[in-house]
């Protein structure tokens, strides 16, 4: 059941908390907050998008779905961003699948309200366009990553990215999810995971992967993890008190 989330949004969504408090109040009047469960599909390719979503502690995965049913990662979005922006600014039709990878809270706004805020509110417009720039860069970088880097380095990147999103070492990651996101065969992911665990970098549990040596995991990950993270901080520096 959706409910109102009391501003300020500090510690909730990093886009919303970058707005001044008076702007947060204006934007907040158009937001409702809800809890989304793990595994829920928000929309499929071809669906018309009615809402944009601002994750708090949830993590949402955007997947391209190929004709044979296989999937490839486009982006993974947590509290640093929002989902549905590209569709809201275009014709409203999704080009991929959005699935909840980590259940939790999100705030949502109707797409027409977002467009009105962008048109009438300069601070909102600036943040939205900076985030759109970041999102484009992220999707481009992941495309390069998929073509140029090994399954192992990409798997390490995905583990570190999920750790960034939820700020803890125990991650709700399965081999199946990693295979779907990376466009790899599950046995290849299992082999990588066993190798990482044998090296003492991760510990595998039932439906979880726990990071035990993040420094060495960073060394094995491709440069895309740091490039994407640095792009966010450059385009959307945190300036509010």
C-alpha atoms as a PDB file:
ATOM      1  CA  UNK A   1       0.000   0.000   0.000  1.00  0.00           C
ATOM      2  CA  UNK A   2       1.582   3.332  -1.050  1.00  0.00           C
ATOM      3  CA  UNK A   3       2.095   5.969   1.644  1.00  0.00           C
ATOM      4  CA  UNK A   4       3.642   9.412   2.005  1.00  0.00           C
ATOM      5  CA  UNK A   5       7.325   9.592   2.927  1.00  0.00           C
ATOM      6  CA  UNK A   6       8.155  12.558   5.136  1.00  0.00           C
ATOM      7  CA  UNK A   7      10.901  14.795   3.773  1.00  0.00           C
ATOM      8  CA  UNK A   8      13.757  15.627   4.126  1.00  0.00           C
ATOM      9  CA  UNK A   9      14.911  12.708   1.984  1.00  0.00           C
ATOM     10  CA  UNK A  10      18.377  12.526   3.554  1.00  0.00           C
ATOM     11  CA  UNK A  11      19.604   8.948   3.544  1.00  0.00           C
ATOM     12  CA  UNK A  12      16.759   7.835   1.267  1.00  0.00           C
ATOM     13  CA  UNK A  13      17.328   8.641  -2.418  1.00  0.00           C
ATOM     14  CA  UNK A  14      20.446  10.542  -3.432  1.00  0.00           C
ATOM     15  CA  UNK A  15      18.751  12.449  -6.263  1.00  0.00           C
ATOM     16  CA  UNK A  16      15.959  13.692  -4.005  1.00  0.00           C
ATOM     17  CA  UNK A  17      18.310  14.593  -1.160  1.00  0.00           C
ATOM     18  CA  UNK A  18      20.362  16.779  -3.516  1.00  0.00           C
ATOM     19  CA  UNK A  19      17.390  19.144  -3.800  1.00  0.00           C
ATOM     20  CA  UNK A  20      17.009  22.078  -1.406  1.00  0.00           C
ATOM     21  CA  UNK A  21      14.459  21.443   1.340  1.00  0.00           C
ATOM     22  CA  UNK A  22      11.841  23.765  -0.152  1.00  0.00           C
ATOM     23  CA  UNK A  23      12.171  21.980  -3.507  1.00  0.00           C
ATOM     24  CA  UNK A  24      11.962  18.619  -1.731  1.00  0.00           C
ATOM     25  CA  UNK A  25       8.654  19.736  -0.241  1.00  0.00           C
ATOM     26  CA  UNK A  26       7.295  20.704  -3.660  1.00  0.00           C
ATOM     27  CA  UNK A  27       8.440  17.488  -5.313  1.00  0.00           C
ATOM     28  CA  UNK A  28       7.408  15.405  -2.302  1.00  0.00           C
ATOM     29  CA  UNK A  29       3.785  16.420  -2.685  1.00  0.00           C
ATOM     30  CA  UNK A  30       3.738  14.370  -5.914  1.00  0.00           C
ATOM     31  CA  UNK A  31       5.513  11.310  -4.487  1.00  0.00           C
ATOM     32  CA  UNK A  32       4.196   8.207  -2.805  1.00  0.00           C
ATOM     33  CA  UNK A  33       6.374   5.577  -1.145  1.00  0.00           C
ATOM     34  CA  UNK A  34       5.893   1.837  -1.250  1.00  0.00           C
ATOM     35  CA  UNK A  35       7.670  -1.425  -0.485  1.00  0.00           C
ATOM     36  CA  UNK A  36       8.553  -3.641  -3.432  1.00  0.00           C
ATOM     37  CA  UNK A  37       9.369  -7.351  -2.966  1.00  0.00           C
ATOM     38  CA  UNK A  38      12.371  -9.207  -4.339  1.00  0.00           C
ATOM     39  CA  UNK A  39      11.735 -10.616  -7.802  1.00  0.00           C
ATOM     40  CA  UNK A  40       8.783  -8.381  -8.728  1.00  0.00           C
ATOM     41  CA  UNK A  41       8.808  -7.318 -12.377  1.00  0.00           C
ATOM     42  CA  UNK A  42       7.862  -3.643 -12.573  1.00  0.00           C
ATOM     43  CA  UNK A  43       7.474  -3.706 -16.322  1.00  0.00           C
ATOM     44  CA  UNK A  44       8.393  -5.617 -19.447  1.00  0.00           C
ATOM     45  CA  UNK A  45       9.649  -4.448 -22.830  1.00  0.00           C
ATOM     46  CA  UNK A  46       6.780  -2.808 -24.706  1.00  0.00           C
ATOM     47  CA  UNK A  47       4.866  -1.774 -21.578  1.00  0.00           C
ATOM     48  CA  UNK A  48       3.707   1.828 -21.203  1.00  0.00           C
ATOM     49  CA  UNK A  49       5.357   3.378 -18.139  1.00  0.00           C
ATOM     50  CA  UNK A  50       3.009   5.308 -15.833  1.00  0.00           C
ATOM     51  CA  UNK A  51       5.466   6.020 -12.997  1.00  0.00           C
ATOM     52  CA  UNK A  52       9.110   6.855 -12.418  1.00  0.00           C
ATOM     53  CA  UNK A  53      10.711   5.244  -9.360  1.00  0.00           C
ATOM     54  CA  UNK A  54      13.269   6.615  -6.888  1.00  0.00           C
ATOM     55  CA  UNK A  55      14.780   3.696  -4.904  1.00  0.00           C
ATOM     56  CA  UNK A  56      15.588   4.161  -1.218  1.00  0.00           C
ATOM     57  CA  UNK A  57      17.063   0.822  -0.152  1.00  0.00           C
ATOM     58  CA  UNK A  58      15.743  -1.270  -3.051  1.00  0.00           C
ATOM     59  CA  UNK A  59      17.881  -2.164  -6.071  1.00  0.00           C
ATOM     60  CA  UNK A  60      16.313  -2.399  -9.533  1.00  0.00           C
ATOM     61  CA  UNK A  61      17.860  -4.114 -12.547  1.00  0.00           C
ATOM     62  CA  UNK A  62      17.226  -3.074 -16.147  1.00  0.00           C
ATOM     63  CA  UNK A  63      17.577  -5.900 -18.651  1.00  0.00           C
ATOM     64  CA  UNK A  64      17.490  -6.132 -22.419  1.00  0.00           C
ATOM     65  CA  UNK A  65      15.467  -9.200 -23.425  1.00  0.00           C
ATOM     66  CA  UNK A  66      16.528 -10.963 -26.624  1.00  0.00           C
ATOM     67  CA  UNK A  67      14.270 -12.957 -28.944  1.00  0.00           C
ATOM     68  CA  UNK A  68      15.436 -16.274 -27.482  1.00  0.00           C
ATOM     69  CA  UNK A  69      14.488 -15.124 -23.972  1.00  0.00           C
ATOM     70  CA  UNK A  70      18.042 -14.495 -22.799  1.00  0.00           C
ATOM     71  CA  UNK A  71      18.803 -11.258 -20.978  1.00  0.00           C
ATOM     72  CA  UNK A  72      21.706  -8.813 -20.790  1.00  0.00           C
ATOM     73  CA  UNK A  73      22.371  -6.066 -18.247  1.00  0.00           C
ATOM     74  CA  UNK A  74      21.630  -2.482 -19.236  1.00  0.00           C
ATOM     75  CA  UNK A  75      21.920  -0.907 -15.776  1.00  0.00           C
ATOM     76  CA  UNK A  76      21.543  -1.610 -12.074  1.00  0.00           C
ATOM     77  CA  UNK A  77      20.006   1.267 -10.136  1.00  0.00           C
ATOM     78  CA  UNK A  78      19.824   1.857  -6.406  1.00  0.00           C
ATOM     79  CA  UNK A  79      19.350   4.875  -4.176  1.00  0.00           C
ATOM     80  CA  UNK A  80      21.710   6.933  -6.345  1.00  0.00           C
ATOM     81  CA  UNK A  81      19.215   7.157  -9.177  1.00  0.00           C
ATOM     82  CA  UNK A  82      15.793   6.617 -10.672  1.00  0.00           C
ATOM     83  CA  UNK A  83      14.029   4.258 -13.061  1.00  0.00           C
ATOM     84  CA  UNK A  84      11.701   5.162 -15.928  1.00  0.00           C
ATOM     85  CA  UNK A  85      13.281   8.509 -16.789  1.00  0.00           C
ATOM     86  CA  UNK A  86      14.117   7.738 -20.415  1.00  0.00           C
ATOM     87  CA  UNK A  87      10.588   6.461 -21.070  1.00  0.00           C
ATOM     88  CA  UNK A  88       9.033   9.451 -19.267  1.00  0.00           C
ATOM     89  CA  UNK A  89      10.918  11.866 -21.512  1.00  0.00           C
ATOM     90  CA  UNK A  90      10.121   9.890 -24.660  1.00  0.00           C
ATOM     91  CA  UNK A  91       7.023   8.043 -25.816  1.00  0.00           C
ATOM     92  CA  UNK A  92       6.532   6.247 -22.500  1.00  0.00           C
ATOM     93  CA  UNK A  93       7.186   2.762 -23.894  1.00  0.00           C
ATOM     94  CA  UNK A  94       9.818   0.592 -22.210  1.00  0.00           C
ATOM     95  CA  UNK A  95      12.582  -1.006 -24.241  1.00  0.00           C
ATOM     96  CA  UNK A  96      13.491  -3.558 -21.567  1.00  0.00           C
ATOM     97  CA  UNK A  97      12.522  -5.391 -18.384  1.00  0.00           C
ATOM     98  CA  UNK A  98      12.772  -3.875 -14.911  1.00  0.00           C
ATOM     99  CA  UNK A  99      12.995  -6.340 -12.017  1.00  0.00           C
ATOM    100  CA  UNK A 100      13.477  -5.848  -8.279  1.00  0.00           C
ATOM    101  CA  UNK A 101      16.820  -7.392  -7.370  1.00  0.00           C
ATOM    102  CA  UNK A 102      16.836  -6.233  -3.717  1.00  0.00           C
ATOM    103  CA  UNK A 103      13.440  -5.686  -2.122  1.00  0.00           C
ATOM    104  CA  UNK A 104      12.835  -2.461  -0.245  1.00  0.00           C
ATOM    105  CA  UNK A 105      11.371   1.032  -0.341  1.00  0.00           C
ATOM    106  CA  UNK A 106      10.942   3.220  -3.406  1.00  0.00           C
ATOM    107  CA  UNK A 107       9.170   6.522  -3.986  1.00  0.00           C
ATOM    108  CA  UNK A 108       7.260   6.926  -7.218  1.00  0.00           C
ATOM    109  CA  UNK A 109       5.821   9.801  -9.222  1.00  0.00           C
ATOM    110  CA  UNK A 110       3.523   9.786 -12.225  1.00  0.00           C
ATOM    111  CA  UNK A 111       5.398  10.446 -15.449  1.00  0.00           C
ATOM    112  CA  UNK A 112       3.239  13.459 -16.315  1.00  0.00           C
ATOM    113  CA  UNK A 113       4.057  15.020 -12.930  1.00  0.00           C
ATOM    114  CA  UNK A 114       7.765  14.510 -13.550  1.00  0.00           C
ATOM    115  CA  UNK A 115       7.506  16.237 -16.914  1.00  0.00           C
ATOM    116  CA  UNK A 116       5.695  19.159 -15.285  1.00  0.00           C
ATOM    117  CA  UNK A 117       8.387  19.449 -12.604  1.00  0.00           C
ATOM    118  CA  UNK A 118      11.123  19.417 -15.242  1.00  0.00           C
ATOM    119  CA  UNK A 119       9.381  22.144 -17.242  1.00  0.00           C
ATOM    120  CA  UNK A 120       8.598  24.435 -14.287  1.00  0.00           C
ATOM    121  CA  UNK A 121      11.377  23.795 -11.764  1.00  0.00           C
ATOM    122  CA  UNK A 122      14.957  24.686 -12.743  1.00  0.00           C
ATOM    123  CA  UNK A 123      16.726  22.827  -9.863  1.00  0.00           C
ATOM    124  CA  UNK A 124      14.778  19.658 -10.663  1.00  0.00           C
ATOM    125  CA  UNK A 125      15.519  20.068 -14.364  1.00  0.00           C
ATOM    126  CA  UNK A 126      19.261  20.422 -13.702  1.00  0.00           C
ATOM    127  CA  UNK A 127      19.463  17.305 -11.524  1.00  0.00           C
ATOM    128  CA  UNK A 128      17.336  15.243 -13.906  1.00  0.00           C
ATOM    129  CA  UNK A 129      19.419  16.188 -16.937  1.00  0.00           C
ATOM    130  CA  UNK A 130      22.684  15.522 -15.065  1.00  0.00           C
ATOM    131  CA  UNK A 131      21.359  12.119 -14.055  1.00  0.00           C
ATOM    132  CA  UNK A 132      20.264  11.426 -17.631  1.00  0.00           C
ATOM    133  CA  UNK A 133      23.841  12.209 -18.718  1.00  0.00           C
ATOM    134  CA  UNK A 134      25.158   9.797 -16.079  1.00  0.00           C
ATOM    135  CA  UNK A 135      22.688   7.068 -17.069  1.00  0.00           C
ATOM    136  CA  UNK A 136      23.679   7.350 -20.728  1.00  0.00           C
ATOM    137  CA  UNK A 137      27.351   7.082 -19.743  1.00  0.00           C
ATOM    138  CA  UNK A 138      26.612   4.081 -17.517  1.00  0.00           C
ATOM    139  CA  UNK A 139      24.763   2.179 -20.247  1.00  0.00           C
ATOM    140  CA  UNK A 140      27.530   3.020 -22.735  1.00  0.00           C
ATOM    141  CA  UNK A 141      30.236   1.850 -20.316  1.00  0.00           C
ATOM    142  CA  UNK A 142      28.403  -1.397 -19.570  1.00  0.00           C
ATOM    143  CA  UNK A 143      28.089  -2.017 -23.311  1.00  0.00           C
ATOM    144  CA  UNK A 144      31.849  -1.595 -23.684  1.00  0.00           C
ATOM    145  CA  UNK A 145      32.379  -3.795 -20.630  1.00  0.00           C
ATOM    146  CA  UNK A 146      30.246  -6.607 -22.047  1.00  0.00           C
ATOM    147  CA  UNK A 147      32.202  -6.593 -25.299  1.00  0.00           C
ATOM    148  CA  UNK A 148      35.733  -6.152 -23.973  1.00  0.00           C
ATOM    149  CA  UNK A 149      36.104  -7.728 -20.528  1.00  0.00           C
ATOM    150  CA  UNK A 150      36.203 -11.254 -19.167  1.00  0.00           C
ATOM    151  CA  UNK A 151      33.358 -12.904 -17.288  1.00  0.00           C
ATOM    152  CA  UNK A 152      35.484 -12.877 -14.129  1.00  0.00           C
ATOM    153  CA  UNK A 153      36.244  -9.144 -14.226  1.00  0.00           C
ATOM    154  CA  UNK A 154      32.611  -8.322 -15.025  1.00  0.00           C
ATOM    155  CA  UNK A 155      31.389 -10.591 -12.239  1.00  0.00           C
ATOM    156  CA  UNK A 156      33.673  -8.772  -9.787  1.00  0.00           C
ATOM    157  CA  UNK A 157      32.306  -5.451 -11.055  1.00  0.00           C
ATOM    158  CA  UNK A 158      28.731  -6.583 -10.504  1.00  0.00           C
ATOM    159  CA  UNK A 159      29.470  -7.776  -6.960  1.00  0.00           C
ATOM    160  CA  UNK A 160      31.128  -4.450  -6.098  1.00  0.00           C
ATOM    161  CA  UNK A 161      28.294  -2.489  -7.700  1.00  0.00           C
ATOM    162  CA  UNK A 162      25.707  -4.306  -5.595  1.00  0.00           C
ATOM    163  CA  UNK A 163      27.838  -3.661  -2.499  1.00  0.00           C
ATOM    164  CA  UNK A 164      27.846   0.067  -3.340  1.00  0.00           C
ATOM    165  CA  UNK A 165      24.061   0.047  -3.692  1.00  0.00           C
ATOM    166  CA  UNK A 166      23.210  -1.506  -0.326  1.00  0.00           C
ATOM    167  CA  UNK A 167      26.259  -0.549   1.797  1.00  0.00           C
ATOM    168  CA  UNK A 168      26.903  -3.960   3.276  1.00  0.00           C
ATOM    169  CA  UNK A 169      29.085  -6.960   2.559  1.00  0.00           C
ATOM    170  CA  UNK A 170      26.398  -9.671   2.540  1.00  0.00           C
ATOM    171  CA  UNK A 171      24.679  -9.389  -0.827  1.00  0.00           C
ATOM    172  CA  UNK A 172      21.482 -11.103  -2.030  1.00  0.00           C
ATOM    173  CA  UNK A 173      23.144 -12.447  -5.173  1.00  0.00           C
ATOM    174  CA  UNK A 174      22.634 -15.783  -6.886  1.00  0.00           C
ATOM    175  CA  UNK A 175      24.575 -17.368  -9.721  1.00  0.00           C
ATOM    176  CA  UNK A 176      21.396 -17.255 -11.809  1.00  0.00           C
ATOM    177  CA  UNK A 177      21.028 -13.492 -11.356  1.00  0.00           C
ATOM    178  CA  UNK A 178      24.681 -12.848 -12.199  1.00  0.00           C
ATOM    179  CA  UNK A 179      24.351 -15.000 -15.313  1.00  0.00           C
ATOM    180  CA  UNK A 180      21.229 -13.082 -16.409  1.00  0.00           C
ATOM    181  CA  UNK A 181      22.833  -9.693 -15.838  1.00  0.00           C
ATOM    182  CA  UNK A 182      26.143 -10.538 -17.483  1.00  0.00           C
ATOM    183  CA  UNK A 183      24.713 -12.506 -20.400  1.00  0.00           C
ATOM    184  CA  UNK A 184      26.848 -15.494 -19.370  1.00  0.00           C
ATOM    185  CA  UNK A 185      26.187 -19.192 -18.863  1.00  0.00           C
ATOM    186  CA  UNK A 186      25.498 -20.155 -15.269  1.00  0.00           C
ATOM    187  CA  UNK A 187      28.309 -22.772 -15.134  1.00  0.00           C
ATOM    188  CA  UNK A 188      30.798 -20.035 -16.069  1.00  0.00           C
ATOM    189  CA  UNK A 189      29.530 -17.868 -13.196  1.00  0.00           C
ATOM    190  CA  UNK A 190      29.722 -20.802 -10.784  1.00  0.00           C
ATOM    191  CA  UNK A 191      33.319 -21.448 -11.818  1.00  0.00           C
ATOM    192  CA  UNK A 192      34.243 -17.797 -11.242  1.00  0.00           C
ATOM    193  CA  UNK A 193      32.498 -17.768  -7.859  1.00  0.00           C
ATOM    194  CA  UNK A 194      34.356 -20.892  -6.736  1.00  0.00           C
ATOM    195  CA  UNK A 195      37.638 -19.320  -7.804  1.00  0.00           C
ATOM    196  CA  UNK A 196      36.898 -16.084  -5.924  1.00  0.00           C
ATOM    197  CA  UNK A 197      35.875 -18.015  -2.828  1.00  0.00           C
ATOM    198  CA  UNK A 198      39.001 -20.165  -3.032  1.00  0.00           C
ATOM    199  CA  UNK A 199      41.095 -16.990  -3.146  1.00  0.00           C
ATOM    200  CA  UNK A 200      39.361 -15.697  -0.015  1.00  0.00           C
ATOM    201  CA  UNK A 201      37.633 -12.754  -1.729  1.00  0.00           C
ATOM    202  CA  UNK A 202      34.025 -13.859  -1.206  1.00  0.00           C
ATOM    203  CA  UNK A 203      32.042 -16.351   0.826  1.00  0.00           C
ATOM    204  CA  UNK A 204      29.046 -18.048  -0.770  1.00  0.00           C
ATOM    205  CA  UNK A 205      25.840 -18.799   1.102  1.00  0.00           C
ATOM    206  CA  UNK A 206      22.330 -19.854   0.182  1.00  0.00           C
ATOM    207  CA  UNK A 207      21.208 -17.048  -2.133  1.00  0.00           C
ATOM    208  CA  UNK A 208      23.973 -14.749  -0.896  1.00  0.00           C
ATOM    209  CA  UNK A 209      27.526 -13.710  -1.646  1.00  0.00           C
ATOM    210  CA  UNK A 210      29.502 -12.041   1.142  1.00  0.00           C
ATOM    211  CA  UNK A 211      32.465  -9.829   0.234  1.00  0.00           C
ATOM    212  CA  UNK A 212      35.423 -10.740   2.457  1.00  0.00           C
ATOM    213  CA  UNK A 213      38.251  -8.899   0.664  1.00  0.00           C
ATOM    214  CA  UNK A 214      36.980  -5.860  -1.222  1.00  0.00           C
ATOM    215  CA  UNK A 215      40.470  -4.502  -1.960  1.00  0.00           C
ATOM    216  CA  UNK A 216      41.533  -7.567  -3.933  1.00  0.00           C
ATOM    217  CA  UNK A 217      38.104  -7.807  -5.536  1.00  0.00           C
ATOM    218  CA  UNK A 218      38.648  -4.252  -6.833  1.00  0.00           C
ATOM    219  CA  UNK A 219      41.959  -5.371  -8.328  1.00  0.00           C
ATOM    220  CA  UNK A 220      40.267  -8.172 -10.258  1.00  0.00           C
ATOM    221  CA  UNK A 221      37.307  -6.060 -11.398  1.00  0.00           C
ATOM    222  CA  UNK A 222      37.523  -4.181 -14.664  1.00  0.00           C
ATOM    223  CA  UNK A 223      37.995  -0.419 -14.626  1.00  0.00           C
ATOM    224  CA  UNK A 224      34.316   0.096 -15.468  1.00  0.00           C
ATOM    225  CA  UNK A 225      33.280  -0.031 -11.793  1.00  0.00           C
ATOM    226  CA  UNK A 226      35.396   2.988 -10.863  1.00  0.00           C
ATOM    227  CA  UNK A 227      34.610   4.819 -14.105  1.00  0.00           C
ATOM    228  CA  UNK A 228      30.857   4.581 -13.488  1.00  0.00           C
ATOM    229  CA  UNK A 229      31.187   5.578  -9.839  1.00  0.00           C
ATOM    230  CA  UNK A 230      33.455   8.541 -10.663  1.00  0.00           C
ATOM    231  CA  UNK A 231      31.061   9.729 -13.375  1.00  0.00           C
ATOM    232  CA  UNK A 232      28.229   9.884 -10.847  1.00  0.00           C
ATOM    233  CA  UNK A 233      30.219  11.943  -8.342  1.00  0.00           C
ATOM    234  CA  UNK A 234      31.397  14.286 -11.109  1.00  0.00           C
ATOM    235  CA  UNK A 235      27.960  14.890 -12.594  1.00  0.00           C
ATOM    236  CA  UNK A 236      25.983  14.886  -9.332  1.00  0.00           C
ATOM    237  CA  UNK A 237      28.267  16.141  -6.546  1.00  0.00           C
ATOM    238  CA  UNK A 238      26.673  16.190  -3.112  1.00  0.00           C
ATOM    239  CA  UNK A 239      26.398  19.819  -1.977  1.00  0.00           C
ATOM    240  CA  UNK A 240      23.520  19.955   0.540  1.00  0.00           C
ATOM    241  CA  UNK A 241      24.232  20.062   4.272  1.00  0.00           C
END
